[in-house]
Amino acid sequence: MGQRLKNFCWSLIHKKYLWTILFFIVVVGFVDPNSFWHRYEMHQQNEELRAEIKDFEDRYNADTHELNELEHNPEAVERVARVNLYMKTANEDVYVIESDNTNTDE
């Protein structure tokens, strides 16, 4: 058994084409700056950035729509003034209720 293992290992050492191909796969796959591994990582990063760009574009479109509505619709201006700035008309009262989120059960 020991002689067969020794012969097998010795035959693997002398296979220069096998070692050359394995070396090429390691270099091209992992070590090189343009390797498949780095390309995969760059592709993942690119997909994340595209998703982030899409989110920013959606937010930009929503804000543009809201700004356009505020410029052309007086009811929208009144709504923003009432909700965000707590403004009121002359004949009404505004009560702001703040909730305390602390739990006393603990």
PDB file of N, CA and C in Angstrom:
ATOM      1  N   MET A   1       0.822  -1.189   0.000  1.00  0.00           N
ATOM      2  CA  MET A   1       0.000   0.000   0.000  1.00  0.00           C
ATOM      3  C   MET A   1       0.869   1.257   0.000  1.00  0.00           C
ATOM      4  N   GLY A   2       1.929   1.259   0.796  1.00  0.00           N
ATOM      5  CA  GLY A   2       2.813   2.415   0.869  1.00  0.00           C
ATOM      6  C   GLY A   2       3.518   2.688  -0.450  1.00  0.00           C
ATOM      7  N   GLN A   3       3.875   1.628  -1.156  1.00  0.00           N
ATOM      8  CA  GLN A   3       4.565   1.785  -2.442  1.00  0.00           C
ATOM      9  C   GLN A   3       3.598   2.377  -3.484  1.00  0.00           C
ATOM     10  N   ARG A   4       2.325   1.953  -3.460  1.00  0.00           N
ATOM     11  CA  ARG A   4       1.345   2.481  -4.417  1.00  0.00           C
ATOM     12  C   ARG A   4       1.108   3.969  -4.175  1.00  0.00           C
ATOM     13  N   LEU A   5       1.022   4.353  -2.897  1.00  0.00           N
ATOM     14  CA  LEU A   5       0.826   5.763  -2.556  1.00  0.00           C
ATOM     15  C   LEU A   5       2.044   6.579  -2.977  1.00  0.00           C
ATOM     16  N   LYS A   6       3.209   6.038  -2.761  1.00  0.00           N
ATOM     17  CA  LYS A   6       4.436   6.731  -3.157  1.00  0.00           C
ATOM     18  C   LYS A   6       4.492   6.893  -4.668  1.00  0.00           C
ATOM     19  N   ASN A   7       4.125   5.854  -5.411  1.00  0.00           N
ATOM     20  CA  ASN A   7       4.119   5.937  -6.877  1.00  0.00           C
ATOM     21  C   ASN A   7       3.074   6.947  -7.371  1.00  0.00           C
ATOM     22  N   PHE A   8       1.919   6.969  -6.709  1.00  0.00           N
ATOM     23  CA  PHE A   8       0.865   7.908  -7.092  1.00  0.00           C
ATOM     24  C   PHE A   8       1.322   9.351  -6.859  1.00  0.00           C
ATOM     25  N   CYS A   9       1.899   9.625  -5.685  1.00  0.00           N
ATOM     26  CA  CYS A   9       2.392  10.980  -5.385  1.00  0.00           C
ATOM     27  C   CYS A   9       3.511  11.375  -6.348  1.00  0.00           C
ATOM     28  N   TRP A  10       4.388  10.451  -6.652  1.00  0.00           N
ATOM     29  CA  TRP A  10       5.491  10.738  -7.556  1.00  0.00           C
ATOM     30  C   TRP A  10       4.978  11.035  -8.966  1.00  0.00           C
ATOM     31  N   SER A  11       3.939  10.329  -9.375  1.00  0.00           N
ATOM     32  CA  SER A  11       3.378  10.582 -10.705  1.00  0.00           C
ATOM     33  C   SER A  11       2.655  11.926 -10.749  1.00  0.00           C
ATOM     34  N   LEU A  12       2.045  12.348  -9.643  1.00  0.00           N
ATOM     35  CA  LEU A  12       1.402  13.664  -9.609  1.00  0.00           C
ATOM     36  C   LEU A  12       2.427  14.794  -9.682  1.00  0.00           C
ATOM     37  N   ILE A  13       3.566  14.590  -9.065  1.00  0.00           N
ATOM     38  CA  ILE A  13       4.602  15.629  -9.059  1.00  0.00           C
ATOM     39  C   ILE A  13       5.130  15.846 -10.473  1.00  0.00           C
ATOM     40  N   HIS A  14       5.212  14.811 -11.256  1.00  0.00           N
ATOM     41  CA  HIS A  14       5.793  14.916 -12.601  1.00  0.00           C
ATOM     42  C   HIS A  14       4.797  15.374 -13.664  1.00  0.00           C
ATOM     43  N   LYS A  15       3.581  15.615 -13.315  1.00  0.00           N
ATOM     44  CA  LYS A  15       2.576  16.063 -14.289  1.00  0.00           C
ATOM     45  C   LYS A  15       2.654  17.585 -14.391  1.00  0.00           C
ATOM     46  N   LYS A  16       3.507  18.096 -15.260  1.00  0.00           N
ATOM     47  CA  LYS A  16       3.730  19.536 -15.364  1.00  0.00           C
ATOM     48  C   LYS A  16       2.529  20.258 -15.963  1.00  0.00           C
ATOM     49  N   TYR A  17       1.781  19.614 -16.843  1.00  0.00           N
ATOM     50  CA  TYR A  17       0.610  20.267 -17.421  1.00  0.00           C
ATOM     51  C   TYR A  17      -0.488  20.452 -16.380  1.00  0.00           C
ATOM     52  N   LEU A  18      -0.664  19.479 -15.525  1.00  0.00           N
ATOM     53  CA  LEU A  18      -1.650  19.586 -14.457  1.00  0.00           C
ATOM     54  C   LEU A  18      -1.314  20.745 -13.523  1.00  0.00           C
ATOM     55  N   TRP A  19      -0.052  20.847 -13.102  1.00  0.00           N
ATOM     56  CA  TRP A  19       0.359  21.926 -12.210  1.00  0.00           C
ATOM     57  C   TRP A  19       0.258  23.287 -12.891  1.00  0.00           C
ATOM     58  N   THR A  20       0.568  23.315 -14.177  1.00  0.00           N
ATOM     59  CA  THR A  20       0.470  24.573 -14.918  1.00  0.00           C
ATOM     60  C   THR A  20      -0.984  25.028 -14.998  1.00  0.00           C
ATOM     61  N   ILE A  21      -1.885  24.096 -15.285  1.00  0.00           N
ATOM     62  CA  ILE A  21      -3.300  24.441 -15.362  1.00  0.00           C
ATOM     63  C   ILE A  21      -3.830  24.866 -13.991  1.00  0.00           C
ATOM     64  N   LEU A  22      -3.454  24.159 -12.940  1.00  0.00           N
ATOM     65  CA  LEU A  22      -3.886  24.541 -11.589  1.00  0.00           C
ATOM     66  C   LEU A  22      -3.355  25.919 -11.202  1.00  0.00           C
ATOM     67  N   PHE A  23      -2.110  26.189 -11.524  1.00  0.00           N
ATOM     68  CA  PHE A  23      -1.523  27.498 -11.241  1.00  0.00           C
ATOM     69  C   PHE A  23      -2.281  28.588 -12.000  1.00  0.00           C
ATOM     70  N   PHE A  24      -2.584  28.333 -13.260  1.00  0.00           N
ATOM     71  CA  PHE A  24      -3.327  29.293 -14.072  1.00  0.00           C
ATOM     72  C   PHE A  24      -4.710  29.556 -13.473  1.00  0.00           C
ATOM     73  N   ILE A  25      -5.386  28.508 -13.032  1.00  0.00           N
ATOM     74  CA  ILE A  25      -6.712  28.672 -12.437  1.00  0.00           C
ATOM     75  C   ILE A  25      -6.635  29.498 -11.151  1.00  0.00           C
ATOM     76  N   VAL A  26      -5.642  29.249 -10.330  1.00  0.00           N
ATOM     77  CA  VAL A  26      -5.493  30.001  -9.087  1.00  0.00           C
ATOM     78  C   VAL A  26      -5.204  31.469  -9.379  1.00  0.00           C
ATOM     79  N   VAL A  27      -4.307  31.732 -10.328  1.00  0.00           N
ATOM     80  CA  VAL A  27      -3.954  33.118 -10.638  1.00  0.00           C
ATOM     81  C   VAL A  27      -5.139  33.847 -11.248  1.00  0.00           C
ATOM     82  N   VAL A  28      -5.764  33.257 -12.249  1.00  0.00           N
ATOM     83  CA  VAL A  28      -6.870  33.923 -12.932  1.00  0.00           C
ATOM     84  C   VAL A  28      -8.106  33.989 -12.047  1.00  0.00           C
ATOM     85  N   GLY A  29      -8.309  32.997 -11.226  1.00  0.00           N
ATOM     86  CA  GLY A  29      -9.509  32.954 -10.408  1.00  0.00           C
ATOM     87  C   GLY A  29      -9.454  33.803  -9.158  1.00  0.00           C
ATOM     88  N   PHE A  30      -8.288  33.933  -8.526  1.00  0.00           N
ATOM     89  CA  PHE A  30      -8.249  34.561  -7.207  1.00  0.00           C
ATOM     90  C   PHE A  30      -7.173  35.626  -7.015  1.00  0.00           C
ATOM     91  N   VAL A  31      -6.000  35.478  -7.589  1.00  0.00           N
ATOM     92  CA  VAL A  31      -4.865  36.327  -7.251  1.00  0.00           C
ATOM     93  C   VAL A  31      -4.809  37.600  -8.086  1.00  0.00           C
ATOM     94  N   ASP A  32      -5.055  37.513  -9.346  1.00  0.00           N
ATOM     95  CA  ASP A  32      -4.927  38.629 -10.280  1.00  0.00           C
ATOM     96  C   ASP A  32      -5.903  39.761  -9.923  1.00  0.00           C
ATOM     97  N   PRO A  33      -5.521  41.021 -10.135  1.00  0.00           N
ATOM     98  CA  PRO A  33      -6.458  42.127  -9.861  1.00  0.00           C
ATOM     99  C   PRO A  33      -7.715  42.074 -10.739  1.00  0.00           C
ATOM    100  N   ASN A  34      -7.635  41.426 -11.869  1.00  0.00           N
ATOM    101  CA  ASN A  34      -8.804  41.266 -12.743  1.00  0.00           C
ATOM    102  C   ASN A  34      -9.371  39.854 -12.658  1.00  0.00           C
ATOM    103  N   SER A  35      -9.225  39.227 -11.515  1.00  0.00           N
ATOM    104  CA  SER A  35      -9.650  37.839 -11.363  1.00  0.00           C
ATOM    105  C   SER A  35     -11.173  37.731 -11.327  1.00  0.00           C
ATOM    106  N   PHE A  36     -11.626  36.514 -11.454  1.00  0.00           N
ATOM    107  CA  PHE A  36     -13.063  36.273 -11.411  1.00  0.00           C
ATOM    108  C   PHE A  36     -13.639  36.646 -10.050  1.00  0.00           C
ATOM    109  N   TRP A  37     -12.897  36.413  -9.000  1.00  0.00           N
ATOM    110  CA  TRP A  37     -13.358  36.749  -7.654  1.00  0.00           C
ATOM    111  C   TRP A  37     -13.556  38.255  -7.498  1.00  0.00           C
ATOM    112  N   HIS A  38     -12.579  39.042  -7.964  1.00  0.00           N
ATOM    113  CA  HIS A  38     -12.694  40.496  -7.878  1.00  0.00           C
ATOM    114  C   HIS A  38     -13.815  41.006  -8.778  1.00  0.00           C
ATOM    115  N   ARG A  39     -13.981  40.371  -9.935  1.00  0.00           N
ATOM    116  CA  ARG A  39     -15.072  40.773 -10.820  1.00  0.00           C
ATOM    117  C   ARG A  39     -16.415  40.500 -10.163  1.00  0.00           C
ATOM    118  N   TYR A  40     -16.531  39.383  -9.458  1.00  0.00           N
ATOM    119  CA  TYR A  40     -17.771  39.061  -8.751  1.00  0.00           C
ATOM    120  C   TYR A  40     -18.048  40.088  -7.652  1.00  0.00           C
ATOM    121  N   GLU A  41     -17.019  40.448  -6.884  1.00  0.00           N
ATOM    122  CA  GLU A  41     -17.187  41.440  -5.826  1.00  0.00           C
ATOM    123  C   GLU A  41     -17.592  42.795  -6.412  1.00  0.00           C
ATOM    124  N   MET A  42     -16.980  43.178  -7.530  1.00  0.00           N
ATOM    125  CA  MET A  42     -17.323  44.442  -8.174  1.00  0.00           C
ATOM    126  C   MET A  42     -18.757  44.406  -8.711  1.00  0.00           C
ATOM    127  N   HIS A  43     -19.179  43.259  -9.204  1.00  0.00           N
ATOM    128  CA  HIS A  43     -20.548  43.124  -9.697  1.00  0.00           C
ATOM    129  C   HIS A  43     -21.542  43.290  -8.545  1.00  0.00           C
ATOM    130  N   GLN A  44     -21.247  42.687  -7.399  1.00  0.00           N
ATOM    131  CA  GLN A  44     -22.120  42.816  -6.225  1.00  0.00           C
ATOM    132  C   GLN A  44     -22.197  44.274  -5.775  1.00  0.00           C
ATOM    133  N   GLN A  45     -21.048  44.932  -5.730  1.00  0.00           N
ATOM    134  CA  GLN A  45     -21.010  46.336  -5.328  1.00  0.00           C
ATOM    135  C   GLN A  45     -21.784  47.195  -6.328  1.00  0.00           C
ATOM    136  N   ASN A  46     -21.657  46.877  -7.608  1.00  0.00           N
ATOM    137  CA  ASN A  46     -22.365  47.610  -8.650  1.00  0.00           C
ATOM    138  C   ASN A  46     -23.875  47.456  -8.486  1.00  0.00           C
ATOM    139  N   GLU A  47     -24.338  46.262  -8.169  1.00  0.00           N
ATOM    140  CA  GLU A  47     -25.764  46.041  -7.954  1.00  0.00           C
ATOM    141  C   GLU A  47     -26.272  46.822  -6.743  1.00  0.00           C
ATOM    142  N   GLU A  48     -25.488  46.859  -5.666  1.00  0.00           N
ATOM    143  CA  GLU A  48     -25.878  47.634  -4.487  1.00  0.00           C
ATOM    144  C   GLU A  48     -25.971  49.118  -4.813  1.00  0.00           C
ATOM    145  N   LEU A  49     -25.006  49.626  -5.585  1.00  0.00           N
ATOM    146  CA  LEU A  49     -25.023  51.042  -5.954  1.00  0.00           C
ATOM    147  C   LEU A  49     -26.190  51.361  -6.878  1.00  0.00           C
ATOM    148  N   ARG A  50     -26.532  50.439  -7.781  1.00  0.00           N
ATOM    149  CA  ARG A  50     -27.688  50.660  -8.649  1.00  0.00           C
ATOM    150  C   ARG A  50     -28.980  50.726  -7.829  1.00  0.00           C
ATOM    151  N   ALA A  51     -29.098  49.875  -6.829  1.00  0.00           N
ATOM    152  CA  ALA A  51     -30.283  49.913  -5.959  1.00  0.00           C
ATOM    153  C   ALA A  51     -30.334  51.226  -5.192  1.00  0.00           C
ATOM    154  N   GLU A  52     -29.190  51.692  -4.721  1.00  0.00           N
ATOM    155  CA  GLU A  52     -29.141  52.961  -4.002  1.00  0.00           C
ATOM    156  C   GLU A  52     -29.502  54.124  -4.930  1.00  0.00           C
ATOM    157  N   ILE A  53     -29.019  54.084  -6.170  1.00  0.00           N
ATOM    158  CA  ILE A  53     -29.364  55.122  -7.146  1.00  0.00           C
ATOM    159  C   ILE A  53     -30.861  55.122  -7.402  1.00  0.00           C
ATOM    160  N   LYS A  54     -31.453  53.936  -7.532  1.00  0.00           N
ATOM    161  CA  LYS A  54     -32.896  53.848  -7.762  1.00  0.00           C
ATOM    162  C   LYS A  54     -33.664  54.436  -6.584  1.00  0.00           C
ATOM    163  N   ASP A  55     -33.223  54.173  -5.353  1.00  0.00           N
ATOM    164  CA  ASP A  55     -33.875  54.745  -4.183  1.00  0.00           C
ATOM    165  C   ASP A  55     -33.792  56.273  -4.189  1.00  0.00           C
ATOM    166  N   PHE A  56     -32.612  56.798  -4.541  1.00  0.00           N
ATOM    167  CA  PHE A  56     -32.459  58.255  -4.594  1.00  0.00           C
ATOM    168  C   PHE A  56     -33.323  58.853  -5.701  1.00  0.00           C
ATOM    169  N   GLU A  57     -33.415  58.179  -6.841  1.00  0.00           N
ATOM    170  CA  GLU A  57     -34.255  58.679  -7.927  1.00  0.00           C
ATOM    171  C   GLU A  57     -35.730  58.680  -7.514  1.00  0.00           C
ATOM    172  N   ASP A  58     -36.159  57.640  -6.805  1.00  0.00           N
ATOM    173  CA  ASP A  58     -37.543  57.593  -6.331  1.00  0.00           C
ATOM    174  C   ASP A  58     -37.820  58.720  -5.337  1.00  0.00           C
ATOM    175  N   ARG A  59     -36.890  58.941  -4.412  1.00  0.00           N
ATOM    176  CA  ARG A  59     -37.055  60.032  -3.455  1.00  0.00           C
ATOM    177  C   ARG A  59     -37.062  61.390  -4.162  1.00  0.00           C
ATOM    178  N   TYR A  60     -36.193  61.545  -5.167  1.00  0.00           N
ATOM    179  CA  TYR A  60     -36.132  62.791  -5.928  1.00  0.00           C
ATOM    180  C   TYR A  60     -37.456  63.031  -6.653  1.00  0.00           C
ATOM    181  N   ASN A  61     -37.994  61.988  -7.283  1.00  0.00           N
ATOM    182  CA  ASN A  61     -39.265  62.143  -7.993  1.00  0.00           C
ATOM    183  C   ASN A  61     -40.404  62.478  -7.036  1.00  0.00           C
ATOM    184  N   ALA A  62     -40.441  61.844  -5.864  1.00  0.00           N
ATOM    185  CA  ALA A  62     -41.490  62.140  -4.892  1.00  0.00           C
ATOM    186  C   ALA A  62     -41.360  63.566  -4.382  1.00  0.00           C
ATOM    187  N   ASP A  63     -40.146  63.995  -4.083  1.00  0.00           N
ATOM    188  CA  ASP A  63     -39.940  65.364  -3.593  1.00  0.00           C
ATOM    189  C   ASP A  63     -40.248  66.386  -4.679  1.00  0.00           C
ATOM    190  N   THR A  64     -39.905  66.081  -5.921  1.00  0.00           N
ATOM    191  CA  THR A  64     -40.220  66.986  -7.029  1.00  0.00           C
ATOM    192  C   THR A  64     -41.722  67.118  -7.190  1.00  0.00           C
ATOM    193  N   HIS A  65     -42.426  65.990  -7.084  1.00  0.00           N
ATOM    194  CA  HIS A  65     -43.887  66.023  -7.186  1.00  0.00           C
ATOM    195  C   HIS A  65     -44.485  66.847  -6.045  1.00  0.00           C
ATOM    196  N   GLU A  66     -43.992  66.667  -4.837  1.00  0.00           N
ATOM    197  CA  GLU A  66     -44.500  67.424  -3.697  1.00  0.00           C
ATOM    198  C   GLU A  66     -44.194  68.917  -3.841  1.00  0.00           C
ATOM    199  N   LEU A  67     -42.996  69.243  -4.326  1.00  0.00           N
ATOM    200  CA  LEU A  67     -42.650  70.649  -4.533  1.00  0.00           C
ATOM    201  C   LEU A  67     -43.537  71.280  -5.599  1.00  0.00           C
ATOM    202  N   ASN A  68     -43.773  70.542  -6.666  1.00  0.00           N
ATOM    203  CA  ASN A  68     -44.640  71.042  -7.725  1.00  0.00           C
ATOM    204  C   ASN A  68     -46.055  71.260  -7.194  1.00  0.00           C
ATOM    205  N   GLU A  69     -46.530  70.344  -6.361  1.00  0.00           N
ATOM    206  CA  GLU A  69     -47.849  70.486  -5.771  1.00  0.00           C
ATOM    207  C   GLU A  69     -47.898  71.691  -4.831  1.00  0.00           C
ATOM    208  N   LEU A  70     -46.841  71.912  -4.065  1.00  0.00           N
ATOM    209  CA  LEU A  70     -46.806  73.068  -3.161  1.00  0.00           C
ATOM    210  C   LEU A  70     -46.773  74.382  -3.928  1.00  0.00           C
ATOM    211  N   GLU A  71     -46.144  74.393  -5.089  1.00  0.00           N
ATOM    212  CA  GLU A  71     -46.069  75.630  -5.869  1.00  0.00           C
ATOM    213  C   GLU A  71     -47.395  75.973  -6.540  1.00  0.00           C
ATOM    214  N   HIS A  72     -48.209  74.970  -6.850  1.00  0.00           N
ATOM    215  CA  HIS A  72     -49.408  75.223  -7.643  1.00  0.00           C
ATOM    216  C   HIS A  72     -50.715  74.953  -6.909  1.00  0.00           C
ATOM    217  N   ASN A  73     -50.692  74.452  -5.711  1.00  0.00           N
ATOM    218  CA  ASN A  73     -51.923  74.083  -5.024  1.00  0.00           C
ATOM    219  C   ASN A  73     -51.957  74.732  -3.640  1.00  0.00           C
ATOM    220  N   PRO A  74     -52.848  75.686  -3.427  1.00  0.00           N
ATOM    221  CA  PRO A  74     -52.909  76.341  -2.118  1.00  0.00           C
ATOM    222  C   PRO A  74     -53.354  75.403  -0.994  1.00  0.00           C
ATOM    223  N   GLU A  75     -54.175  74.402  -1.308  1.00  0.00           N
ATOM    224  CA  GLU A  75     -54.585  73.450  -0.286  1.00  0.00           C
ATOM    225  C   GLU A  75     -53.402  72.639   0.236  1.00  0.00           C
ATOM    226  N   ALA A  76     -52.454  72.351  -0.628  1.00  0.00           N
ATOM    227  CA  ALA A  76     -51.269  71.601  -0.206  1.00  0.00           C
ATOM    228  C   ALA A  76     -50.416  72.443   0.733  1.00  0.00           C
ATOM    229  N   VAL A  77     -50.309  73.724   0.449  1.00  0.00           N
ATOM    230  CA  VAL A  77     -49.551  74.621   1.326  1.00  0.00           C
ATOM    231  C   VAL A  77     -50.227  74.691   2.697  1.00  0.00           C
ATOM    232  N   GLU A  78     -51.545  74.774   2.687  1.00  0.00           N
ATOM    233  CA  GLU A  78     -52.270  74.823   3.955  1.00  0.00           C
ATOM    234  C   GLU A  78     -52.094  73.513   4.734  1.00  0.00           C
ATOM    235  N   ARG A  79     -52.141  72.395   4.038  1.00  0.00           N
ATOM    236  CA  ARG A  79     -51.967  71.093   4.691  1.00  0.00           C
ATOM    237  C   ARG A  79     -50.586  70.989   5.342  1.00  0.00           C
ATOM    238  N   VAL A  80     -49.542  71.399   4.618  1.00  0.00           N
ATOM    239  CA  VAL A  80     -48.183  71.343   5.170  1.00  0.00           C
ATOM    240  C   VAL A  80     -48.059  72.289   6.354  1.00  0.00           C
ATOM    241  N   ALA A  81     -48.650  73.459   6.243  1.00  0.00           N
ATOM    242  CA  ALA A  81     -48.575  74.424   7.341  1.00  0.00           C
ATOM    243  C   ALA A  81     -49.281  73.892   8.581  1.00  0.00           C
ATOM    244  N   ARG A  82     -50.410  73.234   8.419  1.00  0.00           N
ATOM    245  CA  ARG A  82     -51.148  72.711   9.563  1.00  0.00           C
ATOM    246  C   ARG A  82     -50.434  71.515  10.187  1.00  0.00           C
ATOM    247  N   VAL A  83     -49.964  70.602   9.362  1.00  0.00           N
ATOM    248  CA  VAL A  83     -49.395  69.356   9.885  1.00  0.00           C
ATOM    249  C   VAL A  83     -47.977  69.556  10.412  1.00  0.00           C
ATOM    250  N   ASN A  84     -47.137  70.177   9.643  1.00  0.00           N
ATOM    251  CA  ASN A  84     -45.725  70.273  10.015  1.00  0.00           C
ATOM    252  C   ASN A  84     -45.405  71.469  10.903  1.00  0.00           C
ATOM    253  N   LEU A  85     -46.102  72.573  10.707  1.00  0.00           N
ATOM    254  CA  LEU A  85     -45.762  73.802  11.436  1.00  0.00           C
ATOM    255  C   LEU A  85     -46.771  74.149  12.517  1.00  0.00           C
ATOM    256  N   TYR A  86     -47.813  73.356  12.696  1.00  0.00           N
ATOM    257  CA  TYR A  86     -48.843  73.540  13.712  1.00  0.00           C
ATOM    258  C   TYR A  86     -49.516  74.910  13.621  1.00  0.00           C
ATOM    259  N   MET A  87     -49.727  75.390  12.412  1.00  0.00           N
ATOM    260  CA  MET A  87     -50.422  76.662  12.225  1.00  0.00           C
ATOM    261  C   MET A  87     -51.929  76.410  12.254  1.00  0.00           C
ATOM    262  N   LYS A  88     -52.672  77.496  12.528  1.00  0.00           N
ATOM    263  CA  LYS A  88     -54.129  77.362  12.650  1.00  0.00           C
ATOM    264  C   LYS A  88     -54.797  78.606  12.090  1.00  0.00           C
ATOM    265  N   THR A  89     -56.092  78.481  11.852  1.00  0.00           N
ATOM    266  CA  THR A  89     -56.855  79.655  11.445  1.00  0.00           C
ATOM    267  C   THR A  89     -57.277  80.416  12.692  1.00  0.00           C
ATOM    268  N   ALA A  90     -57.936  81.547  12.486  1.00  0.00           N
ATOM    269  CA  ALA A  90     -58.267  82.433  13.616  1.00  0.00           C
ATOM    270  C   ALA A  90     -59.288  81.820  14.560  1.00  0.00           C
ATOM    271  N   ASN A  91     -60.184  80.972  14.076  1.00  0.00           N
ATOM    272  CA  ASN A  91     -61.271  80.494  14.918  1.00  0.00           C
ATOM    273  C   ASN A  91     -61.108  79.041  15.359  1.00  0.00           C
ATOM    274  N   GLU A  92     -59.909  78.541  15.472  1.00  0.00           N
ATOM    275  CA  GLU A  92     -59.721  77.156  15.910  1.00  0.00           C
ATOM    276  C   GLU A  92     -58.550  77.047  16.880  1.00  0.00           C
ATOM    277  N   ASP A  93     -58.542  75.972  17.636  1.00  0.00           N
ATOM    278  CA  ASP A  93     -57.464  75.702  18.576  1.00  0.00           C
ATOM    279  C   ASP A  93     -56.735  74.446  18.129  1.00  0.00           C
ATOM    280  N   VAL A  94     -55.444  74.412  18.354  1.00  0.00           N
ATOM    281  CA  VAL A  94     -54.633  73.259  17.985  1.00  0.00           C
ATOM    282  C   VAL A  94     -54.041  72.674  19.257  1.00  0.00           C
ATOM    283  N   TYR A  95     -54.243  71.395  19.446  1.00  0.00           N
ATOM    284  CA  TYR A  95     -53.687  70.692  20.599  1.00  0.00           C
ATOM    285  C   TYR A  95     -52.680  69.671  20.094  1.00  0.00           C
ATOM    286  N   VAL A  96     -51.478  69.731  20.620  1.00  0.00           N
ATOM    287  CA  VAL A  96     -50.428  68.785  20.251  1.00  0.00           C
ATOM    288  C   VAL A  96     -50.286  67.797  21.390  1.00  0.00           C
ATOM    289  N   ILE A  97     -50.501  66.532  21.080  1.00  0.00           N
ATOM    290  CA  ILE A  97     -50.414  65.482  22.085  1.00  0.00           C
ATOM    291  C   ILE A  97     -49.150  64.675  21.810  1.00  0.00           C
ATOM    292  N   GLU A  98     -48.273  64.680  22.769  1.00  0.00           N
ATOM    293  CA  GLU A  98     -47.037  63.899  22.647  1.00  0.00           C
ATOM    294  C   GLU A  98     -47.164  62.663  23.500  1.00  0.00           C
ATOM    295  N   SER A  99     -46.738  61.548  22.955  1.00  0.00           N
ATOM    296  CA  SER A  99     -46.830  60.307  23.717  1.00  0.00           C
ATOM    297  C   SER A  99     -45.455  59.970  24.269  1.00  0.00           C
ATOM    298  N   ASP A 100     -45.469  59.465  25.495  1.00  0.00           N
ATOM    299  CA  ASP A 100     -44.245  59.038  26.145  1.00  0.00           C
ATOM    300  C   ASP A 100     -44.089  57.540  25.899  1.00  0.00           C
ATOM    301  N   ASN A 101     -43.034  57.131  25.248  1.00  0.00           N
ATOM    302  CA  ASN A 101     -42.862  55.745  24.849  1.00  0.00           C
ATOM    303  C   ASN A 101     -42.161  54.900  25.900  1.00  0.00           C
ATOM    304  N   THR A 102     -41.909  55.420  27.076  1.00  0.00           N
ATOM    305  CA  THR A 102     -41.252  54.623  28.110  1.00  0.00           C
ATOM    306  C   THR A 102     -42.258  53.676  28.738  1.00  0.00           C
ATOM    307  N   ASN A 103     -41.824  52.492  29.014  1.00  0.00           N
ATOM    308  CA  ASN A 103     -42.664  51.452  29.612  1.00  0.00           C
ATOM    309  C   ASN A 103     -42.454  51.437  31.116  1.00  0.00           C
ATOM    310  N   THR A 104     -43.519  51.544  31.906  1.00  0.00           N
ATOM    311  CA  THR A 104     -43.392  51.531  33.369  1.00  0.00           C
ATOM    312  C   THR A 104     -43.630  50.141  33.935  1.00  0.00           C
ATOM    313  N   ASP A 105     -43.869  49.139  33.081  1.00  0.00           N
ATOM    314  CA  ASP A 105     -44.136  47.788  33.532  1.00  0.00           C
ATOM    315  C   ASP A 105     -42.866  47.066  33.971  1.00  0.00           C
ATOM    316  N   GLU A 106     -41.750  47.545  33.590  1.00  0.00           N
ATOM    317  CA  GLU A 106     -40.495  46.825  33.866  1.00  0.00           C
ATOM    318  C   GLU A 106     -40.007  47.037  35.257  1.00  0.00           C
TER     319      GLU A 106
END
